[in-house]
Protein backbone atom coordinates (compact mmCIF):
# COMPACT_ATOMS: atom_id res chain seq x y z
CA UNK A 1 169.67 205.63 -69.39
CA UNK A 2 170.13 202.35 -71.21
CA UNK A 3 166.35 202.16 -71.67
CA UNK A 4 165.69 205.84 -72.46
CA UNK A 5 164.22 206.21 -75.97
CA UNK A 6 164.52 209.98 -75.71
CA UNK A 7 168.23 209.64 -76.52
CA UNK A 8 167.34 209.56 -80.22
CA UNK A 9 165.92 212.18 -82.61
CA UNK A 10 162.52 210.49 -82.94
CA UNK A 11 162.40 209.48 -79.26
CA UNK A 12 161.91 205.90 -80.40
CA UNK A 13 165.30 204.24 -79.93
CA UNK A 14 167.24 203.36 -76.79
CA UNK A 15 170.38 201.33 -76.27
CA UNK A 16 168.05 198.58 -75.09
CA UNK A 17 166.27 198.55 -78.45
CA UNK A 18 169.20 196.39 -79.63
CA UNK A 19 170.40 194.99 -76.28
CA UNK A 20 167.97 193.33 -73.85
CA UNK A 21 168.72 191.08 -70.86
CA UNK A 22 166.88 187.98 -72.06
CA UNK A 23 169.22 187.75 -75.05
CA UNK A 24 172.35 188.34 -72.98
CA UNK A 25 172.00 192.03 -73.88
CA UNK A 26 172.37 191.19 -77.55
CA UNK A 27 169.86 191.34 -80.40
CA UNK A 28 166.38 190.93 -78.84
CA UNK A 29 164.23 190.33 -81.96
CA UNK A 30 164.47 186.82 -83.44
CA UNK A 31 163.21 187.84 -86.90
CA UNK A 32 165.96 190.45 -87.22
CA UNK A 33 168.60 187.98 -86.03
CA UNK A 34 167.32 185.52 -88.62
CA UNK A 35 167.32 187.91 -91.56
CA UNK A 36 168.70 191.45 -91.77
CA UNK A 37 171.24 190.91 -88.94
CA UNK A 38 171.72 194.54 -87.84
CA UNK A 39 168.88 196.31 -86.07
CA UNK A 40 166.95 199.29 -87.45
CA UNK A 41 167.82 202.64 -85.93
CA UNK A 42 165.78 205.72 -85.04
CA UNK A 43 165.25 206.10 -88.79
CA UNK A 44 163.76 202.67 -89.32
CA UNK A 45 164.89 202.37 -92.92
CA UNK A 46 168.50 202.67 -91.76
CA UNK A 47 170.32 199.81 -90.10
CA UNK A 48 173.87 199.08 -89.00
CA UNK A 49 176.24 196.54 -90.48
CA UNK A 50 176.97 194.09 -87.67
CA UNK A 51 175.24 192.05 -84.99
CA UNK A 52 174.56 193.67 -81.64
CA UNK A 53 177.37 192.62 -79.31
CA UNK A 54 176.59 191.39 -75.83
CA UNK A 55 177.07 193.81 -72.94
CA UNK A 56 178.06 191.31 -70.20
CA UNK A 57 181.79 191.26 -69.49
CA UNK A 58 182.58 193.93 -72.11
CA UNK A 59 183.56 196.32 -69.27
CA UNK A 60 186.51 194.07 -68.43
CA UNK A 61 188.25 194.62 -71.78
CA UNK A 62 191.36 196.79 -71.29
CA UNK A 63 192.36 199.91 -73.18
CA UNK A 64 193.39 198.97 -76.72
CA UNK A 65 197.13 198.36 -76.95
CA UNK A 66 199.61 196.92 -79.41
CA UNK A 67 201.82 194.24 -77.92
CA UNK A 68 205.14 194.71 -79.72
CA UNK A 69 206.50 191.33 -78.67
CA UNK A 70 203.53 189.32 -79.91
CA UNK A 71 202.69 191.70 -82.75
CA UNK A 72 199.03 191.66 -81.73
CA UNK A 73 196.36 194.11 -80.60
CA UNK A 74 194.48 193.55 -77.37
CA UNK A 75 191.56 195.41 -75.83
CA UNK A 76 189.04 197.97 -76.93
CA UNK A 77 185.31 197.52 -77.50
CA UNK A 78 183.10 197.09 -80.56
CA UNK A 79 183.71 194.38 -83.16
CA UNK A 80 186.47 196.52 -84.71
CA UNK A 81 187.90 197.72 -81.33
CA UNK A 82 187.29 201.37 -82.26
CA UNK A 83 186.18 202.19 -78.70
CA UNK A 84 189.81 202.22 -77.63
CA UNK A 85 189.50 203.71 -74.16
CA UNK A 86 192.19 206.23 -75.05
CA UNK A 87 190.29 209.19 -73.63
CA UNK A 88 188.19 207.83 -70.77
CA UNK A 89 190.49 204.84 -70.08
CA UNK A 90 187.26 202.80 -70.20
CA UNK A 91 186.65 201.13 -73.58
CA UNK A 92 183.17 200.04 -72.52
CA UNK A 93 182.31 203.65 -71.65
CA UNK A 94 183.54 204.86 -75.01
CA UNK A 95 181.47 202.11 -76.64
CA UNK A 96 178.40 203.58 -74.95
CA UNK A 97 179.19 206.92 -76.59
CA UNK A 98 178.97 205.47 -80.09
CA UNK A 99 175.36 204.40 -80.79
CA UNK A 100 173.68 207.67 -79.67
CA UNK A 101 175.45 209.54 -82.50
CA UNK A 102 175.72 206.68 -85.02
CA UNK A 103 173.68 207.60 -88.08
CA UNK A 104 172.51 203.98 -88.37
CA UNK A 105 171.50 203.57 -84.75
CA UNK A 106 170.12 206.10 -82.24
CA UNK A 107 171.19 208.76 -84.68
CA UNK A 108 171.52 212.04 -82.78
CA UNK A 109 173.35 214.61 -84.94
CA UNK A 110 175.54 216.06 -82.17
CA UNK A 111 176.95 214.72 -78.89
CA UNK A 112 175.56 217.89 -77.29
CA UNK A 113 172.08 216.48 -77.97
CA UNK A 114 172.75 213.81 -75.35
CA UNK A 115 173.36 216.50 -72.74
CA UNK A 116 170.27 218.38 -73.97
CA UNK A 117 167.98 215.36 -73.75
CA UNK A 118 169.42 214.31 -70.39
CA UNK A 119 168.68 217.81 -69.08
CA UNK A 120 165.00 217.06 -69.78
CA UNK A 121 165.02 213.51 -68.38
CA UNK A 122 162.91 212.46 -65.41
CA UNK A 123 166.06 211.01 -63.85
CA UNK A 124 167.97 214.30 -64.14
CA UNK A 125 168.00 214.71 -60.32
CA UNK A 126 169.72 211.33 -59.97
CA UNK A 127 172.25 212.24 -62.64
CA UNK A 128 173.00 215.50 -60.80
CA UNK A 129 173.22 213.67 -57.49
CA UNK A 130 176.01 211.54 -58.93
CA UNK A 131 177.79 214.06 -61.16
CA UNK A 132 176.99 217.44 -59.57
CA UNK A 133 174.12 219.91 -59.56
CA UNK A 134 175.82 222.16 -62.08
CA UNK A 135 176.09 219.43 -64.69
CA UNK A 136 173.48 221.03 -66.96
CA UNK A 137 174.50 224.66 -66.59
CA UNK A 138 174.61 224.89 -70.38
CA UNK A 139 173.06 227.69 -72.44
CA UNK A 140 171.40 225.70 -75.20
CA UNK A 141 170.25 227.93 -78.09
CA UNK A 142 166.55 227.96 -78.99
CA UNK A 143 167.09 225.85 -82.14
CA UNK A 144 168.57 222.94 -80.18
CA UNK A 145 165.25 221.07 -80.03
CA UNK A 146 164.84 221.26 -83.80
CA UNK A 147 168.45 220.22 -84.47
CA UNK A 148 168.30 217.28 -82.07
CA UNK A 149 165.04 216.10 -83.64
CA UNK A 150 166.80 215.72 -87.01
CA UNK A 151 168.73 212.47 -87.60
CA UNK A 152 172.48 212.64 -88.04
CA UNK A 153 173.79 212.58 -91.57
CA UNK A 154 170.92 214.72 -92.85
CA UNK A 155 171.91 216.90 -95.79
CA UNK A 156 170.81 219.99 -93.89
CA UNK A 157 173.85 219.60 -91.64
CA UNK A 158 176.31 219.65 -94.56
CA UNK A 159 178.33 216.85 -92.91
CA UNK A 160 178.79 218.78 -89.67
CA UNK A 161 178.86 216.63 -86.53
CA UNK A 162 178.51 219.64 -84.22
CA UNK A 163 175.46 221.51 -85.60
CA UNK A 164 174.35 222.73 -82.16
CA UNK A 165 175.96 226.21 -81.89
CA UNK A 166 177.50 226.28 -78.43
CA UNK A 167 180.13 228.54 -76.95
CA UNK A 168 183.47 226.87 -76.22
CA UNK A 169 182.61 226.85 -72.52
CA UNK A 170 179.21 225.23 -73.06
CA UNK A 171 180.65 222.75 -75.54
CA UNK A 172 183.11 221.65 -72.84
CA UNK A 173 180.27 221.25 -70.33
CA UNK A 174 178.22 219.24 -72.83
CA UNK A 175 181.23 217.03 -73.54
CA UNK A 176 181.59 216.41 -69.82
CA UNK A 177 177.96 215.31 -69.59
CA UNK A 178 178.58 213.02 -72.56
CA UNK A 179 181.53 211.45 -70.72
CA UNK A 180 179.48 211.05 -67.55
CA UNK A 181 176.74 209.34 -69.57
CA UNK A 182 179.37 206.85 -70.72
CA UNK A 183 180.78 206.25 -67.26
CA UNK A 184 177.30 205.72 -65.83
CA UNK A 185 176.39 203.07 -68.41
CA UNK A 186 179.74 201.35 -67.94
CA UNK A 187 179.10 201.19 -64.20
CA UNK A 188 175.79 199.46 -64.81
CA UNK A 189 177.23 197.00 -67.34
CA UNK A 190 180.09 196.13 -65.00
CA UNK A 191 177.72 195.48 -62.10
CA UNK A 192 176.32 192.07 -61.13
CA UNK A 193 173.06 193.18 -62.74
CA UNK A 194 174.71 192.56 -66.11
CA UNK A 195 178.11 190.87 -65.66
CA UNK A 196 176.86 188.45 -63.07
CA UNK A 197 179.34 185.52 -62.84
CA UNK A 198 176.37 183.35 -61.89
CA UNK A 199 176.61 180.45 -64.35
CA UNK A 200 176.89 176.71 -63.78
CA UNK A 201 180.57 177.06 -64.58
CA UNK A 202 181.05 179.65 -61.82
CA UNK A 203 179.33 177.31 -59.38
CA UNK A 204 181.58 174.49 -60.63
CA UNK A 205 184.69 176.57 -59.98
CA UNK A 206 183.47 177.24 -56.46
CA UNK A 207 182.82 173.55 -55.84
CA UNK A 208 179.04 173.98 -55.67
CA UNK A 209 178.10 172.23 -58.92
CA UNK A 210 179.05 168.95 -60.54
CA UNK A 211 179.02 169.12 -64.31
CA UNK A 212 177.03 166.56 -66.25
CA UNK A 213 179.00 164.08 -68.31
CA UNK A 214 178.29 166.03 -71.51
CA UNK A 215 179.22 169.36 -69.90
CA UNK A 216 182.49 167.94 -68.61
CA UNK A 217 183.26 166.30 -71.96
CA UNK A 218 182.53 169.62 -73.67
CA UNK A 219 184.77 171.45 -71.20
CA UNK A 220 187.63 169.07 -71.90
CA UNK A 221 187.11 169.42 -75.65
CA UNK A 222 186.91 173.20 -75.28
CA UNK A 223 190.33 173.14 -73.63
CA UNK A 224 191.72 170.42 -75.86
CA UNK A 225 190.80 169.01 -79.24
CA UNK A 226 188.45 171.89 -80.03
CA UNK A 227 191.20 174.45 -79.32
CA UNK A 228 188.57 176.99 -78.17
CA UNK A 229 190.62 177.89 -75.11
CA UNK A 230 193.47 179.37 -77.14
CA UNK A 231 191.29 182.46 -77.75
CA UNK A 232 188.34 182.12 -75.36
CA UNK A 233 190.69 181.55 -72.47
CA UNK A 234 189.48 180.26 -69.12
CA UNK A 235 192.74 180.70 -67.26
CA UNK A 236 193.79 177.08 -67.64
CA UNK A 237 196.13 175.26 -69.97
CA UNK A 238 195.22 173.97 -73.42
CA UNK A 239 195.70 170.26 -74.16
CA UNK A 240 195.72 169.76 -77.90
CA UNK A 241 196.68 166.09 -78.10
CA UNK A 242 195.22 162.99 -76.51
CA UNK A 243 198.49 162.25 -74.75
CA UNK A 244 198.49 165.49 -72.80
CA UNK A 245 197.05 165.91 -69.33
CA UNK A 246 196.01 169.31 -68.00
CA UNK A 247 197.56 169.76 -64.57
CA UNK A 248 197.08 173.52 -64.46
CA UNK A 249 194.80 175.39 -62.09
CA UNK A 250 192.69 178.41 -62.84
CA UNK A 251 194.72 181.59 -63.06
CA UNK A 252 191.55 183.60 -62.44
CA UNK A 253 188.67 182.92 -60.08
CA UNK A 254 186.36 184.56 -62.63
CA UNK A 255 187.67 183.68 -66.11
CA UNK A 256 186.23 185.81 -68.90
CA UNK A 257 186.56 183.36 -71.81
CA UNK A 258 188.27 185.86 -74.08
CA UNK A 259 191.87 186.77 -74.83
CA UNK A 260 190.79 190.42 -75.45
CA UNK A 261 192.26 190.10 -78.93
CA UNK A 262 190.92 189.93 -82.50
CA UNK A 263 190.87 187.22 -85.14
CA UNK A 264 189.71 186.53 -88.69
CA UNK A 265 188.00 183.15 -88.68
CA UNK A 266 187.20 183.26 -92.39
CA UNK A 267 183.47 183.82 -92.00
CA UNK A 268 181.62 184.07 -95.34
CA UNK A 269 179.93 187.28 -96.44
CA UNK A 270 176.30 187.38 -95.36
CA UNK A 271 174.16 188.80 -98.19
CA UNK A 272 171.24 189.15 -95.78
CA UNK A 273 173.02 192.07 -94.11
CA UNK A 274 170.79 195.10 -94.67
CA UNK A 275 173.80 197.42 -94.93
CA UNK A 276 174.57 196.25 -98.47
CA UNK A 277 171.25 197.55 -99.74
CA UNK A 278 171.28 201.10 -98.30
CA UNK A 279 172.80 202.61 -101.42
CA UNK A 280 170.49 205.52 -102.33
CA UNK A 281 169.66 208.79 -100.55
CA UNK A 282 167.01 208.45 -97.87
CA UNK A 283 164.43 211.21 -97.27
CA UNK A 284 167.07 213.12 -95.30
CA UNK A 285 169.52 213.00 -98.19
CA UNK A 286 171.81 210.53 -96.47
CA UNK A 287 173.38 207.46 -98.11
CA UNK A 288 174.50 204.95 -95.45
CA UNK A 289 176.49 202.74 -97.85
CA UNK A 290 177.26 204.19 -101.28
CA UNK A 291 179.42 201.15 -102.11
CA UNK A 292 176.76 198.44 -101.84
CA UNK A 293 178.32 195.00 -102.21
CA UNK A 294 181.64 196.72 -102.88
CA UNK A 295 181.89 197.13 -99.12
CA UNK A 296 184.09 194.64 -97.30
CA UNK A 297 184.21 194.43 -93.53
CA UNK A 298 187.94 194.62 -92.77
CA UNK A 299 187.20 195.00 -89.05
CA UNK A 300 190.21 196.17 -87.07
CA UNK A 301 192.08 196.90 -90.30
CA UNK A 302 189.53 199.53 -91.37
CA UNK A 303 189.66 201.14 -87.94
CA UNK A 304 193.45 201.43 -87.97
CA UNK A 305 193.09 203.31 -91.28
CA UNK A 306 190.31 205.49 -89.79
CA UNK A 307 188.27 204.12 -92.66
CA UNK A 308 184.70 204.12 -93.88
CA UNK A 309 182.12 203.08 -91.31
CA UNK A 310 184.58 202.96 -88.43
CA UNK A 311 186.15 205.48 -86.05
CA UNK A 312 189.25 207.61 -85.81
CA UNK A 313 192.47 205.83 -84.92
CA UNK A 314 194.02 207.87 -82.07
CA UNK A 315 197.54 206.48 -82.54
CA UNK A 316 199.26 207.13 -85.88
CA UNK A 317 201.95 204.55 -85.13
CA UNK A 318 199.30 201.84 -85.41
CA UNK A 319 198.38 202.65 -89.03
CA UNK A 320 201.30 200.63 -90.41
CA UNK A 321 199.86 197.44 -88.90
CA UNK A 322 196.52 197.63 -90.71
CA UNK A 323 197.39 195.02 -93.37
CA UNK A 324 198.32 192.53 -90.63
CA UNK A 325 194.85 192.68 -89.07
CA UNK A 326 192.53 193.06 -92.08
CA UNK A 327 189.45 190.93 -91.52
CA UNK A 328 190.02 190.58 -87.79
CA UNK A 329 187.17 191.24 -85.37
CA UNK A 330 187.02 191.12 -81.61
CA UNK A 331 187.12 187.83 -79.72
CA UNK A 332 184.03 188.32 -77.60
CA UNK A 333 183.56 186.56 -74.29
CA UNK A 334 181.93 183.17 -74.72
CA UNK A 335 179.91 183.84 -71.60
CA UNK A 336 176.15 184.27 -72.14
CA UNK A 337 176.36 183.41 -75.85
CA UNK A 338 173.64 180.85 -75.13
CA UNK A 339 171.42 183.08 -72.97
CA UNK A 340 167.74 183.02 -73.96
CA UNK A 341 164.37 183.84 -72.39
CA UNK A 342 163.06 181.15 -70.00
CA UNK A 343 160.18 180.17 -72.28
CA UNK A 344 162.62 179.60 -75.19
CA UNK A 345 165.25 177.62 -73.27
CA UNK A 346 167.83 177.20 -76.03
CA UNK A 347 169.37 178.81 -79.10
CA UNK A 348 169.24 175.47 -80.91
CA UNK A 349 166.60 173.87 -83.14
CA UNK A 350 164.36 171.94 -82.86
CA UNK A 351 163.68 173.93 -79.71
CA UNK A 352 161.50 175.57 -78.74
CA UNK A 353 164.33 178.01 -79.32
CA UNK A 354 165.16 181.71 -79.42
CA UNK A 355 166.78 182.66 -82.71
CA UNK A 356 170.10 184.46 -82.39
CA UNK A 357 172.77 185.51 -84.86
CA UNK A 358 176.40 184.57 -84.23
CA UNK A 359 179.69 186.10 -85.38
CA UNK A 360 179.96 189.75 -86.35
CA UNK A 361 177.77 189.44 -89.44
CA UNK A 362 175.19 186.99 -88.07
CA UNK A 363 175.98 184.33 -90.67
CA UNK A 364 175.71 181.51 -88.14
CA UNK A 365 172.25 180.88 -86.73
CA UNK A 366 173.08 178.33 -84.01
CA UNK A 367 175.93 177.42 -81.72
CA UNK A 368 176.01 174.03 -83.44
CA UNK A 369 176.76 175.77 -86.74
CA UNK A 370 179.39 177.92 -85.07
CA UNK A 371 181.24 174.93 -83.62
CA UNK A 372 180.82 172.95 -86.85
CA UNK A 373 182.35 175.87 -88.77
CA UNK A 374 185.41 175.92 -86.52
CA UNK A 375 185.64 172.16 -86.94
CA UNK A 376 185.16 171.81 -90.72
CA UNK A 377 185.77 175.19 -92.38
CA UNK A 378 188.76 173.96 -94.34
CA UNK A 379 187.45 170.44 -94.86
CA UNK A 380 184.36 171.66 -96.74
CA UNK A 381 185.71 174.87 -98.27
CA UNK A 382 184.26 175.86 -101.66
CA UNK A 383 185.19 178.82 -103.89
CA UNK A 384 181.62 180.14 -103.90
CA UNK A 385 179.64 182.81 -102.11
CA UNK A 386 176.70 182.16 -99.80
CA UNK A 387 173.67 180.81 -101.60
CA UNK A 388 175.74 179.10 -104.32
CA UNK A 389 176.91 175.83 -102.78
CA UNK A 390 177.21 173.03 -105.37
CA UNK A 391 174.37 170.63 -105.97
CA UNK A 392 174.53 167.69 -103.62
CA UNK A 393 175.97 169.78 -100.76
CA UNK A 394 174.24 171.66 -97.97
CA UNK A 395 175.48 175.08 -96.93
CA UNK A 396 176.78 175.12 -93.36
CA UNK A 397 176.84 171.30 -93.27
CA UNK A 398 179.25 170.09 -95.96
CA UNK A 399 179.81 173.35 -97.85
CA UNK A 400 181.37 176.49 -96.46
CA UNK A 401 181.44 179.47 -98.84
CA UNK A 402 184.69 181.39 -99.19
CA UNK A 403 185.69 183.96 -96.55
CA UNK A 404 184.59 187.56 -96.97
CA UNK A 405 188.21 188.55 -96.24
CA UNK A 406 190.86 185.94 -97.09
CA UNK A 407 193.75 187.79 -95.44
CA UNK A 408 195.11 186.94 -91.99
CA UNK A 409 192.86 183.92 -91.40
CA UNK A 410 193.30 182.07 -88.11
CA UNK A 411 194.61 178.65 -89.11
CA UNK A 412 194.48 177.15 -85.62
CA UNK A 413 190.93 176.07 -86.47
CA UNK A 414 189.24 174.81 -89.61
CA UNK A 415 189.91 171.06 -89.53
CA UNK A 416 189.76 169.92 -85.91
CA UNK A 417 188.56 166.37 -86.42
CA UNK A 418 185.70 166.63 -83.95
CA UNK A 419 182.88 164.11 -84.22
CA UNK A 420 179.26 165.20 -84.39
CA UNK A 421 178.81 164.19 -80.76
CA UNK A 422 181.90 166.15 -79.71
CA UNK A 423 180.56 169.26 -81.45
CA UNK A 424 177.32 168.85 -79.52
CA UNK A 425 179.19 168.45 -76.24
CA UNK A 426 181.02 171.74 -76.80
CA UNK A 427 177.62 173.38 -77.34
CA UNK A 428 176.42 171.88 -74.06
CA UNK A 429 179.45 173.33 -72.29
CA UNK A 430 178.84 176.76 -73.85
CA UNK A 431 175.34 176.62 -72.40
CA UNK A 432 176.90 176.06 -68.97
CA UNK A 433 178.44 179.55 -69.28
CA UNK A 434 175.01 181.19 -69.15
CA UNK A 435 174.38 183.40 -66.13
CA UNK A 436 171.35 182.89 -63.91
CA UNK A 437 172.15 179.52 -62.34
CA UNK A 438 173.33 180.55 -58.86
CA UNK A 439 170.79 183.39 -58.68
CA UNK A 440 168.13 184.72 -61.07
CA UNK A 441 169.39 186.94 -63.88
CA UNK A 442 167.57 190.29 -63.65
CA UNK A 443 164.80 191.02 -66.18
CA UNK A 444 165.38 187.86 -68.19
CA UNK A 445 161.63 187.14 -68.25
CA UNK A 446 160.54 190.15 -70.30
CA UNK A 447 160.36 188.54 -73.75
CA UNK A 448 156.81 188.77 -75.13
CA UNK A 449 157.42 187.20 -78.54
CA UNK A 450 157.05 183.64 -79.72
CA UNK A 451 159.62 180.87 -79.60
CA UNK A 452 160.56 179.06 -82.79
CA UNK A 453 160.50 175.29 -83.21
CA UNK A 454 161.29 172.56 -85.68
CA UNK A 455 164.17 171.70 -87.94
CA UNK A 456 167.76 170.98 -87.00
CA UNK A 457 170.45 173.14 -85.43
CA UNK A 458 172.79 172.06 -88.23
CA UNK A 459 170.65 173.75 -90.89
CA UNK A 460 168.89 176.29 -88.69
CA UNK A 461 167.84 179.33 -90.71
CA UNK A 462 168.93 177.86 -94.04
CA UNK A 463 165.45 178.40 -95.47
CA UNK A 464 166.24 182.12 -95.29
CA UNK A 465 169.50 181.92 -97.24
CA UNK A 466 169.57 184.11 -100.33
CA UNK A 467 172.09 184.00 -103.18
CA UNK A 468 174.89 186.54 -102.97
CA UNK A 469 174.81 188.70 -106.12
CA UNK A 470 177.88 188.93 -108.36
CA UNK A 471 180.37 190.91 -106.32
CA UNK A 472 181.96 194.10 -107.63
CA UNK A 473 185.58 194.77 -106.66
CA UNK A 474 186.17 196.00 -103.14
CA UNK A 475 185.54 199.75 -103.10
CA UNK A 476 188.66 201.91 -103.18
CA UNK A 477 187.33 203.81 -100.14
CA UNK A 478 187.67 200.55 -98.22
CA UNK A 479 190.47 198.53 -99.83
CA UNK A 480 192.38 201.36 -101.47
CA UNK A 481 193.29 203.25 -98.31
CA UNK A 482 196.99 203.15 -97.43
CA UNK A 483 198.58 201.00 -96.31
CA UNK A 484 196.55 198.83 -98.67
CA UNK A 485 195.65 195.23 -97.84
CA UNK A 486 198.29 192.66 -98.73
CA UNK A 487 197.54 190.64 -100.71
CA UNK A 488 194.95 192.85 -102.41
CA UNK A 489 191.33 192.09 -101.57
CA UNK A 490 189.24 191.51 -104.70
């Protein structure tokens, strides 16, 4: 099902169109990762607003919850945690239900269209073997084919998200199929085919691999001076000062390198994001982003307000906390961040390398840049937007543009005092978290494109920087929804 392009109006877009194994089930097209960030959907002139998150280890995130003692949210799936798991109790399953009916992605206009297309699938017998022979006992009206061939958001639907006219009984059956679709995909993503626990680090934990000196140095920095382990937890202690010694042992035999929480790291706005430019009606009469550069990605904060471009918050008691999480996005697992096709053995220039996009908006183009940002964000902070660093500075080297959202920034990073060599050693350790060491990672050898080469990881992709235009105020549909951000977001 993950590879079935029929689960889209134009039969041209599958989940795997944005998530393939050789990229750690993240964005599989280097040119998109380098430029427009979000991948085109079934309607190719529409695109989403964030990078494609990796599938491995996402199934282990718990149902979204608010910890009253810590005053923090944990769990859920998607960058903004909107796949809460409230209904299915499986956030990863609810994540799988999103893209098929997202207007920017696979774009079906009705969840019933998933049941309809599955009823025509060549693997229908297998689906029925798992979920029951009566799964598709649904009386679809004759116009269902026409409706499901029209992308969601089309003016003809007059904003309806249930244009397929089903009886209450058939709507319930179609919803059940939709839930079973989600559970099936979650089962695959949780399996060793995807979440493999087969990295050098896993072999190290089992005593079957000795880390290189750089990997071990990176591991110690990850858990110490670099402070990575305070969010991307490995089940051990964190030693922040040179006088400390870590005497802890792993609390988990299979650490996930995430705290399941969310954070605002102060990442600059990325003007390359295609979402900012989808401001006029497309041929279907749909406007993906009427606010243009007035849109701000408030992440979890927008979701808690059930705001524009997000989902519906299922818990009204959470709404009050929106201002405390504005700008926060999910702390993804650090596992498989460095996964690439075999012929492009790294994410780092000079390569040959496979170009990825890092963070939720793809602003970082290498792991070196990512680590350098954590290390020097506050040291080289400038009150400019991307593309406008002062003369004599180099963006992403000794100039970091201002955060897209200045509220609730994580101040545990930003001026870590790491040397250039120490940054590189953390990158080497991150590469040791890539699956496929103890056994081959399935289907990792399917990339047919070309590797990139040349340049430096420190400035990787900088030739594609464009100047951010003068920014209008944050749109009221984003920043004016109660409870409003505090302080106000310009």
